[in-house]
Amino acid sequence: MTVFSVETWIVKPDKLGEYMIWHKKYETWFKKHSSEYKEVKSYKVFSHMLGGNWGGYVFMTEFENLADLEKAFNKMMKSDFMTALYPEFARLIVDGSYSVDVWNPVP
């Protein structure tokens, strides 16, 4: 059964330019390491457009099943992403705005 990891956060209003630079770094990092994350079927990033919280982002990653999500998550937690890119990301977002949920499609 397909599952989706849905991460959300809000970028600090005065950090949007820095966030866009960070996002490009993340894209480059993921492309470089994509062969290590075969569990990821697809992913998409959305930025907030109207209503709700300005500066909001949604990162949706698709996996074949929950076991694949867990495998990819464990690899990410042990990767250089956590020491090289995550600290920079954390200082660009509104404190307490990051969340992650797991969703499955309704048949």
N, C-alpha and C. Protein backbone atom coordinates (compact mmCIF):
# COMPACT_ATOMS: atom_id res chain seq x y z
N MET A 1 0.84 -1.17 0.00
CA MET A 1 0.00 0.00 0.00
C MET A 1 0.89 1.24 0.00
N THR A 2 0.67 2.14 -0.93
CA THR A 2 1.42 3.38 -1.03
C THR A 2 1.18 4.26 0.19
N VAL A 3 2.24 4.91 0.68
CA VAL A 3 2.12 5.88 1.76
C VAL A 3 2.88 7.14 1.37
N PHE A 4 2.48 8.25 1.99
CA PHE A 4 3.11 9.53 1.74
C PHE A 4 3.60 10.13 3.05
N SER A 5 4.82 10.59 3.05
CA SER A 5 5.33 11.39 4.16
C SER A 5 5.05 12.84 3.77
N VAL A 6 4.33 13.54 4.64
CA VAL A 6 3.95 14.93 4.35
C VAL A 6 4.57 15.82 5.43
N GLU A 7 5.57 16.58 5.03
CA GLU A 7 6.27 17.49 5.94
C GLU A 7 5.82 18.91 5.64
N THR A 8 5.60 19.69 6.69
CA THR A 8 5.22 21.09 6.50
C THR A 8 6.08 21.98 7.38
N TRP A 9 6.28 23.21 6.94
CA TRP A 9 7.02 24.20 7.73
C TRP A 9 6.70 25.58 7.20
N ILE A 10 7.08 26.59 7.96
CA ILE A 10 6.91 27.98 7.56
C ILE A 10 8.28 28.64 7.62
N VAL A 11 8.65 29.28 6.53
CA VAL A 11 9.92 30.00 6.45
C VAL A 11 9.74 31.37 7.11
N LYS A 12 10.73 31.76 7.90
CA LYS A 12 10.70 33.09 8.51
C LYS A 12 10.60 34.14 7.41
N PRO A 13 9.75 35.15 7.57
CA PRO A 13 9.55 36.14 6.51
C PRO A 13 10.84 36.81 6.03
N ASP A 14 11.78 37.07 6.93
CA ASP A 14 13.01 37.74 6.54
C ASP A 14 14.08 36.77 6.02
N LYS A 15 13.74 35.48 5.92
CA LYS A 15 14.72 34.47 5.49
C LYS A 15 14.35 33.80 4.18
N LEU A 16 13.34 34.31 3.47
CA LEU A 16 12.87 33.65 2.26
C LEU A 16 13.96 33.54 1.19
N GLY A 17 14.73 34.59 1.00
CA GLY A 17 15.82 34.55 0.02
C GLY A 17 16.86 33.50 0.37
N GLU A 18 17.23 33.44 1.65
CA GLU A 18 18.19 32.43 2.11
C GLU A 18 17.61 31.03 1.97
N TYR A 19 16.29 30.92 2.22
CA TYR A 19 15.65 29.61 2.09
C TYR A 19 15.74 29.11 0.65
N MET A 20 15.50 29.99 -0.32
CA MET A 20 15.55 29.57 -1.72
C MET A 20 16.95 29.07 -2.09
N ILE A 21 17.98 29.70 -1.55
CA ILE A 21 19.36 29.23 -1.76
C ILE A 21 19.53 27.86 -1.11
N TRP A 22 19.03 27.72 0.12
CA TRP A 22 19.11 26.43 0.82
C TRP A 22 18.38 25.35 0.04
N HIS A 23 17.20 25.67 -0.48
CA HIS A 23 16.42 24.67 -1.22
C HIS A 23 17.19 24.15 -2.42
N LYS A 24 17.89 25.02 -3.11
CA LYS A 24 18.73 24.59 -4.25
C LYS A 24 19.84 23.65 -3.77
N LYS A 25 20.43 23.95 -2.61
CA LYS A 25 21.46 23.07 -2.04
C LYS A 25 20.88 21.70 -1.74
N TYR A 26 19.66 21.69 -1.17
CA TYR A 26 19.01 20.41 -0.87
C TYR A 26 18.75 19.62 -2.14
N GLU A 27 18.22 20.27 -3.17
CA GLU A 27 17.96 19.58 -4.45
C GLU A 27 19.25 18.97 -5.00
N THR A 28 20.33 19.72 -4.94
CA THR A 28 21.63 19.23 -5.41
C THR A 28 22.07 18.03 -4.58
N TRP A 29 21.93 18.15 -3.24
CA TRP A 29 22.31 17.06 -2.35
C TRP A 29 21.49 15.81 -2.66
N PHE A 30 20.17 15.96 -2.81
CA PHE A 30 19.34 14.78 -3.04
C PHE A 30 19.64 14.13 -4.39
N LYS A 31 19.86 14.93 -5.42
CA LYS A 31 20.20 14.35 -6.73
C LYS A 31 21.51 13.57 -6.63
N LYS A 32 22.48 14.10 -5.90
CA LYS A 32 23.76 13.42 -5.72
C LYS A 32 23.59 12.10 -4.97
N HIS A 33 22.65 12.04 -4.02
CA HIS A 33 22.46 10.86 -3.18
C HIS A 33 21.24 10.02 -3.56
N SER A 34 20.57 10.35 -4.65
CA SER A 34 19.31 9.68 -4.98
C SER A 34 19.46 8.17 -5.14
N SER A 35 20.62 7.71 -5.57
CA SER A 35 20.81 6.26 -5.73
C SER A 35 20.77 5.54 -4.38
N GLU A 36 21.00 6.26 -3.30
CA GLU A 36 20.95 5.68 -1.96
C GLU A 36 19.52 5.59 -1.43
N TYR A 37 18.60 6.29 -2.09
CA TYR A 37 17.22 6.37 -1.62
C TYR A 37 16.25 5.78 -2.66
N LYS A 38 16.49 4.54 -3.04
CA LYS A 38 15.64 3.86 -4.02
C LYS A 38 14.21 3.69 -3.51
N GLU A 39 14.01 3.80 -2.20
CA GLU A 39 12.68 3.64 -1.62
C GLU A 39 11.74 4.79 -2.02
N VAL A 40 12.31 5.93 -2.38
CA VAL A 40 11.50 7.10 -2.73
C VAL A 40 10.95 6.91 -4.15
N LYS A 41 9.61 6.78 -4.24
CA LYS A 41 8.97 6.63 -5.55
C LYS A 41 8.85 7.98 -6.25
N SER A 42 8.53 9.01 -5.50
CA SER A 42 8.41 10.36 -6.05
C SER A 42 8.39 11.35 -4.90
N TYR A 43 8.64 12.61 -5.24
CA TYR A 43 8.48 13.66 -4.23
C TYR A 43 8.12 14.96 -4.92
N LYS A 44 7.48 15.81 -4.18
CA LYS A 44 7.04 17.09 -4.71
C LYS A 44 7.09 18.12 -3.58
N VAL A 45 7.50 19.32 -3.91
CA VAL A 45 7.54 20.41 -2.94
C VAL A 45 6.53 21.46 -3.39
N PHE A 46 5.72 21.93 -2.45
CA PHE A 46 4.73 22.95 -2.73
C PHE A 46 5.01 24.17 -1.86
N SER A 47 4.82 25.36 -2.43
CA SER A 47 4.93 26.57 -1.62
C SER A 47 3.54 27.20 -1.51
N HIS A 48 3.32 27.83 -0.39
CA HIS A 48 2.03 28.44 -0.10
C HIS A 48 1.72 29.55 -1.09
N MET A 49 0.47 29.61 -1.53
CA MET A 49 0.10 30.62 -2.50
C MET A 49 -0.97 31.58 -1.96
N LEU A 50 -2.08 31.05 -1.48
CA LEU A 50 -3.17 31.91 -0.99
C LEU A 50 -3.75 31.35 0.30
N GLY A 51 -4.20 32.23 1.19
CA GLY A 51 -4.84 31.81 2.43
C GLY A 51 -3.83 31.22 3.41
N GLY A 52 -4.27 30.88 4.60
CA GLY A 52 -3.42 30.20 5.58
C GLY A 52 -2.21 31.00 6.00
N ASN A 53 -1.11 30.29 6.21
CA ASN A 53 0.13 30.90 6.70
C ASN A 53 1.07 31.23 5.55
N TRP A 54 1.36 32.52 5.37
CA TRP A 54 2.29 32.92 4.33
C TRP A 54 3.67 32.36 4.65
N GLY A 55 4.37 31.88 3.64
CA GLY A 55 5.71 31.32 3.83
C GLY A 55 5.68 29.83 4.09
N GLY A 56 4.51 29.22 3.96
CA GLY A 56 4.37 27.80 4.23
C GLY A 56 4.85 26.93 3.06
N TYR A 57 5.39 25.77 3.41
CA TYR A 57 5.84 24.79 2.43
C TYR A 57 5.33 23.42 2.82
N VAL A 58 5.10 22.59 1.80
CA VAL A 58 4.73 21.20 1.99
C VAL A 58 5.67 20.37 1.14
N PHE A 59 6.25 19.34 1.74
CA PHE A 59 7.15 18.42 1.05
C PHE A 59 6.50 17.04 1.15
N MET A 60 6.07 16.51 0.00
CA MET A 60 5.35 15.24 -0.02
C MET A 60 6.21 14.19 -0.72
N THR A 61 6.50 13.11 0.00
CA THR A 61 7.34 12.04 -0.54
C THR A 61 6.52 10.75 -0.57
N GLU A 62 6.57 10.06 -1.70
CA GLU A 62 5.80 8.83 -1.89
C GLU A 62 6.69 7.60 -1.72
N PHE A 63 6.15 6.62 -1.00
CA PHE A 63 6.84 5.35 -0.77
C PHE A 63 5.89 4.20 -1.09
N GLU A 64 6.45 3.06 -1.41
CA GLU A 64 5.64 1.87 -1.70
C GLU A 64 4.89 1.40 -0.45
N ASN A 65 5.54 1.52 0.70
CA ASN A 65 4.93 1.05 1.95
C ASN A 65 5.63 1.72 3.13
N LEU A 66 5.10 1.47 4.32
CA LEU A 66 5.64 2.07 5.53
C LEU A 66 7.07 1.62 5.83
N ALA A 67 7.39 0.37 5.51
CA ALA A 67 8.74 -0.14 5.73
C ALA A 67 9.76 0.63 4.89
N ASP A 68 9.41 0.96 3.64
CA ASP A 68 10.31 1.74 2.79
C ASP A 68 10.50 3.15 3.33
N LEU A 69 9.43 3.74 3.84
CA LEU A 69 9.53 5.07 4.44
C LEU A 69 10.49 5.03 5.62
N GLU A 70 10.33 4.02 6.47
CA GLU A 70 11.19 3.90 7.65
C GLU A 70 12.65 3.69 7.25
N LYS A 71 12.88 2.89 6.23
CA LYS A 71 14.24 2.63 5.76
C LYS A 71 14.89 3.93 5.26
N ALA A 72 14.16 4.69 4.45
CA ALA A 72 14.70 5.95 3.93
C ALA A 72 14.93 6.96 5.06
N PHE A 73 13.98 7.04 5.99
CA PHE A 73 14.10 7.96 7.12
C PHE A 73 15.35 7.62 7.94
N ASN A 74 15.58 6.36 8.22
CA ASN A 74 16.76 5.95 9.00
C ASN A 74 18.05 6.31 8.28
N LYS A 75 18.08 6.14 6.97
CA LYS A 75 19.27 6.52 6.20
C LYS A 75 19.51 8.03 6.30
N MET A 76 18.41 8.79 6.18
CA MET A 76 18.51 10.26 6.24
C MET A 76 19.06 10.71 7.59
N MET A 77 18.59 10.09 8.66
CA MET A 77 19.02 10.48 10.01
C MET A 77 20.51 10.21 10.23
N LYS A 78 21.08 9.26 9.49
CA LYS A 78 22.50 8.92 9.63
C LYS A 78 23.37 9.60 8.58
N SER A 79 22.77 10.36 7.69
CA SER A 79 23.50 10.94 6.56
C SER A 79 24.15 12.28 6.92
N ASP A 80 24.98 12.75 6.01
CA ASP A 80 25.60 14.06 6.19
C ASP A 80 24.58 15.19 6.05
N PHE A 81 23.39 14.88 5.56
CA PHE A 81 22.33 15.89 5.50
C PHE A 81 22.08 16.47 6.89
N MET A 82 22.04 15.59 7.90
CA MET A 82 21.71 16.03 9.25
C MET A 82 22.78 16.95 9.84
N THR A 83 24.02 16.79 9.44
CA THR A 83 25.08 17.66 9.96
C THR A 83 25.38 18.84 9.04
N ALA A 84 25.17 18.66 7.73
CA ALA A 84 25.54 19.71 6.79
C ALA A 84 24.38 20.63 6.42
N LEU A 85 23.19 20.08 6.16
CA LEU A 85 22.08 20.90 5.66
C LEU A 85 20.97 21.16 6.67
N TYR A 86 20.69 20.22 7.55
CA TYR A 86 19.57 20.40 8.47
C TYR A 86 19.75 21.59 9.42
N PRO A 87 20.93 21.80 10.01
CA PRO A 87 21.07 22.95 10.91
C PRO A 87 20.77 24.29 10.22
N GLU A 88 21.16 24.40 8.98
CA GLU A 88 20.89 25.62 8.21
C GLU A 88 19.38 25.76 7.98
N PHE A 89 18.72 24.66 7.62
CA PHE A 89 17.27 24.65 7.43
C PHE A 89 16.56 25.09 8.71
N ALA A 90 16.98 24.54 9.84
CA ALA A 90 16.32 24.81 11.12
C ALA A 90 16.35 26.29 11.48
N ARG A 91 17.41 27.00 11.12
CA ARG A 91 17.47 28.41 11.47
C ARG A 91 16.66 29.29 10.52
N LEU A 92 16.21 28.73 9.40
CA LEU A 92 15.44 29.49 8.42
C LEU A 92 13.93 29.39 8.62
N ILE A 93 13.48 28.44 9.43
CA ILE A 93 12.04 28.24 9.59
C ILE A 93 11.55 28.76 10.94
N VAL A 94 10.27 29.05 10.99
CA VAL A 94 9.64 29.53 12.22
C VAL A 94 9.68 28.41 13.25
N ASP A 95 10.15 28.72 14.45
CA ASP A 95 10.22 27.73 15.52
C ASP A 95 8.85 27.09 15.74
N GLY A 96 8.84 25.78 15.83
CA GLY A 96 7.61 25.04 16.10
C GLY A 96 6.71 24.84 14.89
N SER A 97 7.13 25.30 13.72
CA SER A 97 6.26 25.17 12.54
C SER A 97 6.47 23.86 11.78
N TYR A 98 7.56 23.16 12.03
CA TYR A 98 7.84 21.92 11.29
C TYR A 98 6.97 20.78 11.82
N SER A 99 6.37 20.05 10.90
CA SER A 99 5.63 18.85 11.28
C SER A 99 5.79 17.80 10.19
N VAL A 100 5.63 16.55 10.57
CA VAL A 100 5.66 15.45 9.61
C VAL A 100 4.53 14.50 9.94
N ASP A 101 3.79 14.10 8.92
CA ASP A 101 2.69 13.15 9.05
C ASP A 101 2.83 12.10 7.98
N VAL A 102 2.23 10.95 8.20
CA VAL A 102 2.22 9.89 7.19
C VAL A 102 0.76 9.69 6.77
N TRP A 103 0.53 9.71 5.47
CA TRP A 103 -0.80 9.60 4.88
C TRP A 103 -0.85 8.37 3.98
N ASN A 104 -2.02 7.79 3.84
CA ASN A 104 -2.21 6.77 2.83
C ASN A 104 -3.43 7.14 1.98
N PRO A 105 -3.44 6.73 0.70
CA PRO A 105 -4.55 7.07 -0.17
C PRO A 105 -5.82 6.32 0.23
N VAL A 106 -6.96 6.95 -0.01
CA VAL A 106 -8.24 6.29 0.25
C VAL A 106 -8.64 5.54 -1.01
N PRO A 107 -8.94 4.24 -0.87
CA PRO A 107 -9.29 3.46 -2.07
C PRO A 107 -10.63 3.87 -2.66
